[in-house]
């Protein structure tokens, strides 16, 4: 097993939750890939091995701040892609 299989950015999980909550998972896969890259490039990194451990040790305030960051980055990325599509 590779170390790349053991770690991931916790913000990826949060982003997926936000995509699902906003009904965005049915979008074109290429659009979703671009959207995710843009969003994740505007968020800090938080590498973890196990999501459950991270969720357990996060305070409510920390999790709320992370959600706010994801919401803003997602909103900004959606606006950016909308503008790019309009200019194409």
PDB file of N, CA and C in Angstrom:
ATOM      1  N   UNK A   1       0.844  -1.178   0.000  1.00  0.00           N
ATOM      2  CA  UNK A   1       0.000   0.000   0.000  1.00  0.00           C
ATOM      3  C   UNK A   1       0.889   1.241   0.000  1.00  0.00           C
ATOM      4  N   UNK A   2       0.481   2.222  -0.779  1.00  0.00           N
ATOM      5  CA  UNK A   2       1.205   3.476  -0.919  1.00  0.00           C
ATOM      6  C   UNK A   2       0.766   4.471   0.153  1.00  0.00           C
ATOM      7  N   UNK A   3       1.680   5.346   0.540  1.00  0.00           N
ATOM      8  CA  UNK A   3       1.318   6.380   1.514  1.00  0.00           C
ATOM      9  C   UNK A   3       0.203   7.264   0.961  1.00  0.00           C
ATOM     10  N   UNK A   4       0.138   7.429  -0.361  1.00  0.00           N
ATOM     11  CA  UNK A   4      -0.919   8.234  -0.971  1.00  0.00           C
ATOM     12  C   UNK A   4      -2.302   7.638  -0.708  1.00  0.00           C
ATOM     13  N   UNK A   5      -2.361   6.346  -0.444  1.00  0.00           N
ATOM     14  CA  UNK A   5      -3.635   5.701  -0.118  1.00  0.00           C
ATOM     15  C   UNK A   5      -4.029   5.921   1.338  1.00  0.00           C
ATOM     16  N   UNK A   6      -3.083   6.338   2.165  1.00  0.00           N
ATOM     17  CA  UNK A   6      -3.316   6.473   3.597  1.00  0.00           C
ATOM     18  C   UNK A   6      -3.677   7.890   4.043  1.00  0.00           C
ATOM     19  N   UNK A   7      -3.443   8.863   3.186  1.00  0.00           N
ATOM     20  CA  UNK A   7      -3.690  10.251   3.590  1.00  0.00           C
ATOM     21  C   UNK A   7      -4.549  10.959   2.550  1.00  0.00           C
ATOM     22  N   UNK A   8      -5.255  11.987   2.994  1.00  0.00           N
ATOM     23  CA  UNK A   8      -6.010  12.833   2.079  1.00  0.00           C
ATOM     24  C   UNK A   8      -6.291  14.174   2.744  1.00  0.00           C
ATOM     25  N   UNK A   9      -6.710  15.108   1.940  1.00  0.00           N
ATOM     26  CA  UNK A   9      -7.035  16.438   2.419  1.00  0.00           C
ATOM     27  C   UNK A   9      -8.468  16.409   2.960  1.00  0.00           C
ATOM     28  N   UNK A  10      -8.654  16.719   4.223  1.00  0.00           N
ATOM     29  CA  UNK A  10      -9.976  16.682   4.857  1.00  0.00           C
ATOM     30  C   UNK A  10     -10.960  17.618   4.164  1.00  0.00           C
ATOM     31  N   UNK A  11     -10.463  18.693   3.571  1.00  0.00           N
ATOM     32  CA  UNK A  11     -11.347  19.614   2.869  1.00  0.00           C
ATOM     33  C   UNK A  11     -12.021  18.955   1.661  1.00  0.00           C
ATOM     34  N   UNK A  12     -11.427  17.888   1.107  1.00  0.00           N
ATOM     35  CA  UNK A  12     -12.072  17.161   0.015  1.00  0.00           C
ATOM     36  C   UNK A  12     -13.396  16.566   0.495  1.00  0.00           C
ATOM     37  N   UNK A  13     -13.394  15.994   1.692  1.00  0.00           N
ATOM     38  CA  UNK A  13     -14.616  15.418   2.265  1.00  0.00           C
ATOM     39  C   UNK A  13     -15.653  16.520   2.496  1.00  0.00           C
ATOM     40  N   UNK A  14     -15.222  17.628   3.060  1.00  0.00           N
ATOM     41  CA  UNK A  14     -16.152  18.734   3.304  1.00  0.00           C
ATOM     42  C   UNK A  14     -16.720  19.274   1.994  1.00  0.00           C
ATOM     43  N   UNK A  15     -15.879  19.392   0.985  1.00  0.00           N
ATOM     44  CA  UNK A  15     -16.347  19.876  -0.310  1.00  0.00           C
ATOM     45  C   UNK A  15     -17.397  18.926  -0.881  1.00  0.00           C
ATOM     46  N   UNK A  16     -17.159  17.631  -0.811  1.00  0.00           N
ATOM     47  CA  UNK A  16     -18.131  16.655  -1.310  1.00  0.00           C
ATOM     48  C   UNK A  16     -19.472  16.823  -0.595  1.00  0.00           C
ATOM     49  N   UNK A  17     -19.429  17.027   0.723  1.00  0.00           N
ATOM     50  CA  UNK A  17     -20.665  17.234   1.482  1.00  0.00           C
ATOM     51  C   UNK A  17     -21.410  18.469   0.983  1.00  0.00           C
ATOM     52  N   UNK A  18     -20.678  19.535   0.691  1.00  0.00           N
ATOM     53  CA  UNK A  18     -21.295  20.772   0.212  1.00  0.00           C
ATOM     54  C   UNK A  18     -21.832  20.613  -1.211  1.00  0.00           C
ATOM     55  N   UNK A  19     -21.111  19.887  -2.053  1.00  0.00           N
ATOM     56  CA  UNK A  19     -21.595  19.624  -3.405  1.00  0.00           C
ATOM     57  C   UNK A  19     -22.906  18.850  -3.348  1.00  0.00           C
ATOM     58  N   UNK A  20     -22.945  17.850  -2.490  1.00  0.00           N
ATOM     59  CA  UNK A  20     -24.147  17.033  -2.342  1.00  0.00           C
ATOM     60  C   UNK A  20     -25.309  17.868  -1.796  1.00  0.00           C
ATOM     61  N   UNK A  21     -25.045  18.650  -0.765  1.00  0.00           N
ATOM     62  CA  UNK A  21     -26.089  19.474  -0.140  1.00  0.00           C
ATOM     63  C   UNK A  21     -26.656  20.516  -1.106  1.00  0.00           C
ATOM     64  N   UNK A  22     -25.838  20.960  -2.054  1.00  0.00           N
ATOM     65  CA  UNK A  22     -26.270  21.969  -3.015  1.00  0.00           C
ATOM     66  C   UNK A  22     -26.752  21.368  -4.333  1.00  0.00           C
ATOM     67  N   UNK A  23     -26.885  20.048  -4.376  1.00  0.00           N
ATOM     68  CA  UNK A  23     -27.390  19.387  -5.569  1.00  0.00           C
ATOM     69  C   UNK A  23     -26.509  19.532  -6.793  1.00  0.00           C
ATOM     70  N   UNK A  24     -25.207  19.586  -6.583  1.00  0.00           N
ATOM     71  CA  UNK A  24     -24.281  19.810  -7.692  1.00  0.00           C
ATOM     72  C   UNK A  24     -23.641  18.532  -8.228  1.00  0.00           C
ATOM     73  N   UNK A  25     -23.890  17.401  -7.604  1.00  0.00           N
ATOM     74  CA  UNK A  25     -23.216  16.170  -8.014  1.00  0.00           C
ATOM     75  C   UNK A  25     -23.718  15.611  -9.342  1.00  0.00           C
ATOM     76  N   UNK A  26     -24.831  16.131  -9.845  1.00  0.00           N
ATOM     77  CA  UNK A  26     -25.349  15.641 -11.123  1.00  0.00           C
ATOM     78  C   UNK A  26     -24.803  16.429 -12.311  1.00  0.00           C
ATOM     79  N   UNK A  27     -23.909  17.369 -12.050  1.00  0.00           N
ATOM     80  CA  UNK A  27     -23.299  18.161 -13.128  1.00  0.00           C
ATOM     81  C   UNK A  27     -22.367  17.286 -13.962  1.00  0.00           C
ATOM     82  N   UNK A  28     -21.998  17.811 -15.113  1.00  0.00           N
ATOM     83  CA  UNK A  28     -21.050  17.149 -16.000  1.00  0.00           C
ATOM     84  C   UNK A  28     -19.758  16.837 -15.240  1.00  0.00           C
ATOM     85  N   UNK A  29     -19.214  15.620 -15.384  1.00  0.00           N
ATOM     86  CA  UNK A  29     -17.996  15.255 -14.644  1.00  0.00           C
ATOM     87  C   UNK A  29     -16.812  16.195 -14.892  1.00  0.00           C
ATOM     88  N   UNK A  30     -16.661  16.694 -16.104  1.00  0.00           N
ATOM     89  CA  UNK A  30     -15.560  17.624 -16.382  1.00  0.00           C
ATOM     90  C   UNK A  30     -15.770  18.948 -15.654  1.00  0.00           C
ATOM     91  N   UNK A  31     -17.003  19.414 -15.631  1.00  0.00           N
ATOM     92  CA  UNK A  31     -17.330  20.638 -14.906  1.00  0.00           C
ATOM     93  C   UNK A  31     -17.058  20.444 -13.417  1.00  0.00           C
ATOM     94  N   UNK A  32     -17.489  19.302 -12.869  1.00  0.00           N
ATOM     95  CA  UNK A  32     -17.267  19.019 -11.442  1.00  0.00           C
ATOM     96  C   UNK A  32     -15.784  18.957 -11.110  1.00  0.00           C
ATOM     97  N   UNK A  33     -15.009  18.339 -11.982  1.00  0.00           N
ATOM     98  CA  UNK A  33     -13.560  18.248 -11.743  1.00  0.00           C
ATOM     99  C   UNK A  33     -12.944  19.641 -11.708  1.00  0.00           C
ATOM    100  N   UNK A  34     -13.313  20.483 -12.673  1.00  0.00           N
ATOM    101  CA  UNK A  34     -12.806  21.861 -12.687  1.00  0.00           C
ATOM    102  C   UNK A  34     -13.246  22.605 -11.435  1.00  0.00           C
ATOM    103  N   UNK A  35     -14.519  22.467 -11.087  1.00  0.00           N
ATOM    104  CA  UNK A  35     -15.058  23.132  -9.900  1.00  0.00           C
ATOM    105  C   UNK A  35     -14.295  22.717  -8.649  1.00  0.00           C
ATOM    106  N   UNK A  36     -14.094  21.423  -8.478  1.00  0.00           N
ATOM    107  CA  UNK A  36     -13.394  20.924  -7.288  1.00  0.00           C
ATOM    108  C   UNK A  36     -11.961  21.433  -7.224  1.00  0.00           C
ATOM    109  N   UNK A  37     -11.275  21.441  -8.353  1.00  0.00           N
ATOM    110  CA  UNK A  37      -9.895  21.946  -8.365  1.00  0.00           C
ATOM    111  C   UNK A  37      -9.845  23.412  -7.963  1.00  0.00           C
ATOM    112  N   UNK A  38     -10.753  24.200  -8.507  1.00  0.00           N
ATOM    113  CA  UNK A  38     -10.772  25.626  -8.186  1.00  0.00           C
ATOM    114  C   UNK A  38     -11.056  25.833  -6.707  1.00  0.00           C
ATOM    115  N   UNK A  39     -12.068  25.146  -6.205  1.00  0.00           N
ATOM    116  CA  UNK A  39     -12.422  25.292  -4.789  1.00  0.00           C
ATOM    117  C   UNK A  39     -11.266  24.880  -3.904  1.00  0.00           C
ATOM    118  N   UNK A  40     -10.717  23.695  -4.129  1.00  0.00           N
ATOM    119  CA  UNK A  40      -9.660  23.181  -3.246  1.00  0.00           C
ATOM    120  C   UNK A  40      -8.394  24.027  -3.311  1.00  0.00           C
ATOM    121  N   UNK A  41      -8.142  24.651  -4.447  1.00  0.00           N
ATOM    122  CA  UNK A  41      -6.968  25.527  -4.552  1.00  0.00           C
ATOM    123  C   UNK A  41      -7.142  26.828  -3.777  1.00  0.00           C
ATOM    124  N   UNK A  42      -8.363  27.116  -3.351  1.00  0.00           N
ATOM    125  CA  UNK A  42      -8.620  28.326  -2.562  1.00  0.00           C
ATOM    126  C   UNK A  42      -8.852  28.028  -1.089  1.00  0.00           C
ATOM    127  N   UNK A  43      -8.615  26.800  -0.705  1.00  0.00           N
ATOM    128  CA  UNK A  43      -8.781  26.405   0.696  1.00  0.00           C
ATOM    129  C   UNK A  43      -7.442  25.987   1.276  1.00  0.00           C
ATOM    130  N   UNK A  44      -7.292  26.108   2.583  1.00  0.00           N
ATOM    131  CA  UNK A  44      -6.070  25.591   3.201  1.00  0.00           C
ATOM    132  C   UNK A  44      -6.080  24.066   3.117  1.00  0.00           C
ATOM    133  N   UNK A  45      -4.965  23.470   3.372  1.00  0.00           N
ATOM    134  CA  UNK A  45      -4.914  22.012   3.385  1.00  0.00           C
ATOM    135  C   UNK A  45      -4.980  21.508   4.820  1.00  0.00           C
ATOM    136  N   UNK A  46      -5.581  20.362   4.971  1.00  0.00           N
ATOM    137  CA  UNK A  46      -5.649  19.713   6.277  1.00  0.00           C
ATOM    138  C   UNK A  46      -5.567  18.209   6.010  1.00  0.00           C
ATOM    139  N   UNK A  47      -4.341  17.728   5.935  1.00  0.00           N
ATOM    140  CA  UNK A  47      -4.143  16.322   5.614  1.00  0.00           C
ATOM    141  C   UNK A  47      -4.378  15.455   6.840  1.00  0.00           C
ATOM    142  N   UNK A  48      -5.095  14.356   6.603  1.00  0.00           N
ATOM    143  CA  UNK A  48      -5.465  13.440   7.679  1.00  0.00           C
ATOM    144  C   UNK A  48      -5.345  12.003   7.186  1.00  0.00           C
ATOM    145  N   UNK A  49      -5.333  11.101   8.144  1.00  0.00           N
ATOM    146  CA  UNK A  49      -5.396   9.682   7.807  1.00  0.00           C
ATOM    147  C   UNK A  49      -6.811   9.160   7.941  1.00  0.00           C
ATOM    148  N   UNK A  50      -7.508   9.591   8.991  1.00  0.00           N
ATOM    149  CA  UNK A  50      -8.844   9.065   9.273  1.00  0.00           C
ATOM    150  C   UNK A  50      -9.805  10.220   9.539  1.00  0.00           C
ATOM    151  N   UNK A  51     -10.854  10.306   8.737  1.00  0.00           N
ATOM    152  CA  UNK A  51     -11.836  11.372   8.904  1.00  0.00           C
ATOM    153  C   UNK A  51     -12.472  11.353  10.284  1.00  0.00           C
ATOM    154  N   UNK A  52     -12.756  10.171  10.795  1.00  0.00           N
ATOM    155  CA  UNK A  52     -13.444  10.066  12.079  1.00  0.00           C
ATOM    156  C   UNK A  52     -12.602  10.682  13.198  1.00  0.00           C
ATOM    157  N   UNK A  53     -11.296  10.483  13.155  1.00  0.00           N
ATOM    158  CA  UNK A  53     -10.423  11.069  14.174  1.00  0.00           C
ATOM    159  C   UNK A  53     -10.428  12.589  14.070  1.00  0.00           C
ATOM    160  N   UNK A  54     -10.371  13.085  12.854  1.00  0.00           N
ATOM    161  CA  UNK A  54     -10.362  14.530  12.648  1.00  0.00           C
ATOM    162  C   UNK A  54     -11.668  15.141  13.128  1.00  0.00           C
ATOM    163  N   UNK A  55     -12.783  14.531  12.762  1.00  0.00           N
ATOM    164  CA  UNK A  55     -14.089  15.049  13.183  1.00  0.00           C
ATOM    165  C   UNK A  55     -14.216  15.038  14.702  1.00  0.00           C
ATOM    166  N   UNK A  56     -13.663  14.030  15.342  1.00  0.00           N
ATOM    167  CA  UNK A  56     -13.745  13.917  16.797  1.00  0.00           C
ATOM    168  C   UNK A  56     -12.971  15.040  17.483  1.00  0.00           C
ATOM    169  N   UNK A  57     -11.830  15.407  16.931  1.00  0.00           N
ATOM    170  CA  UNK A  57     -10.972  16.395  17.585  1.00  0.00           C
ATOM    171  C   UNK A  57     -11.263  17.839  17.172  1.00  0.00           C
ATOM    172  N   UNK A  58     -12.109  18.035  16.179  1.00  0.00           N
ATOM    173  CA  UNK A  58     -12.481  19.398  15.797  1.00  0.00           C
ATOM    174  C   UNK A  58     -13.530  19.939  16.758  1.00  0.00           C
ATOM    175  N   UNK A  59     -13.373  21.176  17.162  1.00  0.00           N
ATOM    176  CA  UNK A  59     -14.426  21.808  17.960  1.00  0.00           C
ATOM    177  C   UNK A  59     -15.537  22.242  17.011  1.00  0.00           C
ATOM    178  N   UNK A  60     -16.696  22.530  17.566  1.00  0.00           N
ATOM    179  CA  UNK A  60     -17.800  23.015  16.732  1.00  0.00           C
ATOM    180  C   UNK A  60     -17.414  24.306  16.017  1.00  0.00           C
ATOM    181  N   UNK A  61     -16.711  25.159  16.728  1.00  0.00           N
ATOM    182  CA  UNK A  61     -16.296  26.442  16.144  1.00  0.00           C
ATOM    183  C   UNK A  61     -15.331  26.222  14.975  1.00  0.00           C
ATOM    184  N   UNK A  62     -14.389  25.299  15.139  1.00  0.00           N
ATOM    185  CA  UNK A  62     -13.445  25.006  14.057  1.00  0.00           C
ATOM    186  C   UNK A  62     -14.181  24.448  12.841  1.00  0.00           C
ATOM    187  N   UNK A  63     -15.087  23.516  13.081  1.00  0.00           N
ATOM    188  CA  UNK A  63     -15.850  22.922  11.977  1.00  0.00           C
ATOM    189  C   UNK A  63     -16.703  23.993  11.293  1.00  0.00           C
ATOM    190  N   UNK A  64     -17.303  24.881  12.064  1.00  0.00           N
ATOM    191  CA  UNK A  64     -18.109  25.954  11.493  1.00  0.00           C
ATOM    192  C   UNK A  64     -17.250  26.863  10.614  1.00  0.00           C
ATOM    193  N   UNK A  65     -16.045  27.189  11.085  1.00  0.00           N
ATOM    194  CA  UNK A  65     -15.136  28.027  10.290  1.00  0.00           C
ATOM    195  C   UNK A  65     -14.743  27.323   8.990  1.00  0.00           C
ATOM    196  N   UNK A  66     -14.523  26.023   9.077  1.00  0.00           N
ATOM    197  CA  UNK A  66     -14.173  25.256   7.876  1.00  0.00           C
ATOM    198  C   UNK A  66     -15.336  25.254   6.884  1.00  0.00           C
ATOM    199  N   UNK A  67     -16.554  25.085   7.382  1.00  0.00           N
ATOM    200  CA  UNK A  67     -17.733  25.107   6.515  1.00  0.00           C
ATOM    201  C   UNK A  67     -17.910  26.456   5.844  1.00  0.00           C
ATOM    202  N   UNK A  68     -17.666  27.519   6.586  1.00  0.00           N
ATOM    203  CA  UNK A  68     -17.764  28.871   6.023  1.00  0.00           C
ATOM    204  C   UNK A  68     -16.750  29.035   4.890  1.00  0.00           C
ATOM    205  N   UNK A  69     -15.526  28.566   5.112  1.00  0.00           N
ATOM    206  CA  UNK A  69     -14.491  28.658   4.075  1.00  0.00           C
ATOM    207  C   UNK A  69     -14.894  27.882   2.818  1.00  0.00           C
ATOM    208  N   UNK A  70     -15.441  26.676   3.014  1.00  0.00           N
ATOM    209  CA  UNK A  70     -15.857  25.860   1.867  1.00  0.00           C
ATOM    210  C   UNK A  70     -17.010  26.539   1.133  1.00  0.00           C
ATOM    211  N   UNK A  71     -17.988  27.046   1.876  1.00  0.00           N
ATOM    212  CA  UNK A  71     -19.122  27.739   1.246  1.00  0.00           C
ATOM    213  C   UNK A  71     -18.647  28.900   0.389  1.00  0.00           C
ATOM    214  N   UNK A  72     -17.752  29.715   0.931  1.00  0.00           N
ATOM    215  CA  UNK A  72     -17.262  30.880   0.189  1.00  0.00           C
ATOM    216  C   UNK A  72     -16.474  30.456  -1.041  1.00  0.00           C
ATOM    217  N   UNK A  73     -15.578  29.497  -0.874  1.00  0.00           N
ATOM    218  CA  UNK A  73     -14.768  29.043  -2.005  1.00  0.00           C
ATOM    219  C   UNK A  73     -15.649  28.417  -3.088  1.00  0.00           C
ATOM    220  N   UNK A  74     -16.678  27.679  -2.695  1.00  0.00           N
ATOM    221  CA  UNK A  74     -17.584  27.061  -3.657  1.00  0.00           C
ATOM    222  C   UNK A  74     -18.391  28.134  -4.390  1.00  0.00           C
ATOM    223  N   UNK A  75     -18.907  29.090  -3.662  1.00  0.00           N
ATOM    224  CA  UNK A  75     -19.678  30.192  -4.269  1.00  0.00           C
ATOM    225  C   UNK A  75     -18.811  30.953  -5.267  1.00  0.00           C
ATOM    226  N   UNK A  76     -17.597  31.283  -4.873  1.00  0.00           N
ATOM    227  CA  UNK A  76     -16.688  32.019  -5.748  1.00  0.00           C
ATOM    228  C   UNK A  76     -16.333  31.211  -6.996  1.00  0.00           C
ATOM    229  N   UNK A  77     -16.105  29.916  -6.827  1.00  0.00           N
ATOM    230  CA  UNK A  77     -15.749  29.059  -7.962  1.00  0.00           C
ATOM    231  C   UNK A  77     -16.921  28.932  -8.933  1.00  0.00           C
ATOM    232  N   UNK A  78     -18.140  28.790  -8.400  1.00  0.00           N
ATOM    233  CA  UNK A  78     -19.318  28.718  -9.259  1.00  0.00           C
ATOM    234  C   UNK A  78     -19.480  30.000 -10.068  1.00  0.00           C
ATOM    235  N   UNK A  79     -19.294  31.140  -9.413  1.00  0.00           N
ATOM    236  CA  UNK A  79     -19.387  32.424 -10.114  1.00  0.00           C
ATOM    237  C   UNK A  79     -18.308  32.547 -11.176  1.00  0.00           C
ATOM    238  N   UNK A  80     -17.101  32.112 -10.856  1.00  0.00           N
ATOM    239  CA  UNK A  80     -15.993  32.179 -11.808  1.00  0.00           C
ATOM    240  C   UNK A  80     -16.296  31.327 -13.037  1.00  0.00           C
ATOM    241  N   UNK A  81     -16.749  30.087 -12.822  1.00  0.00           N
ATOM    242  CA  UNK A  81     -17.037  29.209 -13.952  1.00  0.00           C
ATOM    243  C   UNK A  81     -18.217  29.720 -14.778  1.00  0.00           C
ATOM    244  N   UNK A  82     -19.194  30.302 -14.119  1.00  0.00           N
ATOM    245  CA  UNK A  82     -20.328  30.896 -14.827  1.00  0.00           C
ATOM    246  C   UNK A  82     -19.846  32.024 -15.733  1.00  0.00           C
ATOM    247  N   UNK A  83     -18.982  32.864 -15.191  1.00  0.00           N
ATOM    248  CA  UNK A  83     -18.441  33.986 -15.955  1.00  0.00           C
ATOM    249  C   UNK A  83     -17.583  33.482 -17.121  1.00  0.00           C
ATOM    250  N   UNK A  84     -16.782  32.459 -16.869  1.00  0.00           N
ATOM    251  CA  UNK A  84     -15.935  31.903 -17.934  1.00  0.00           C
ATOM    252  C   UNK A  84     -16.791  31.312 -19.051  1.00  0.00           C
ATOM    253  N   UNK A  85     -17.864  30.608 -18.682  1.00  0.00           N
ATOM    254  CA  UNK A  85     -18.760  30.028 -19.678  1.00  0.00           C
ATOM    255  C   UNK A  85     -19.488  31.109 -20.469  1.00  0.00           C
ATOM    256  N   UNK A  86     -19.830  32.201 -19.817  1.00  0.00           N
ATOM    257  CA  UNK A  86     -20.516  33.300 -20.496  1.00  0.00           C
ATOM    258  C   UNK A  86     -19.592  33.997 -21.494  1.00  0.00           C
ATOM    259  N   UNK A  87     -18.296  34.019 -21.179  1.00  0.00           N
ATOM    260  CA  UNK A  87     -17.324  34.671 -22.056  1.00  0.00           C
ATOM    261  C   UNK A  87     -16.839  33.766 -23.184  1.00  0.00           C
ATOM    262  N   UNK A  88     -17.215  32.500 -23.140  1.00  0.00           N
ATOM    263  CA  UNK A  88     -16.759  31.558 -24.197  1.00  0.00           C
ATOM    264  C   UNK A  88     -17.593  31.645 -25.433  1.00  0.00           C
TER     265      UNK A  88
END
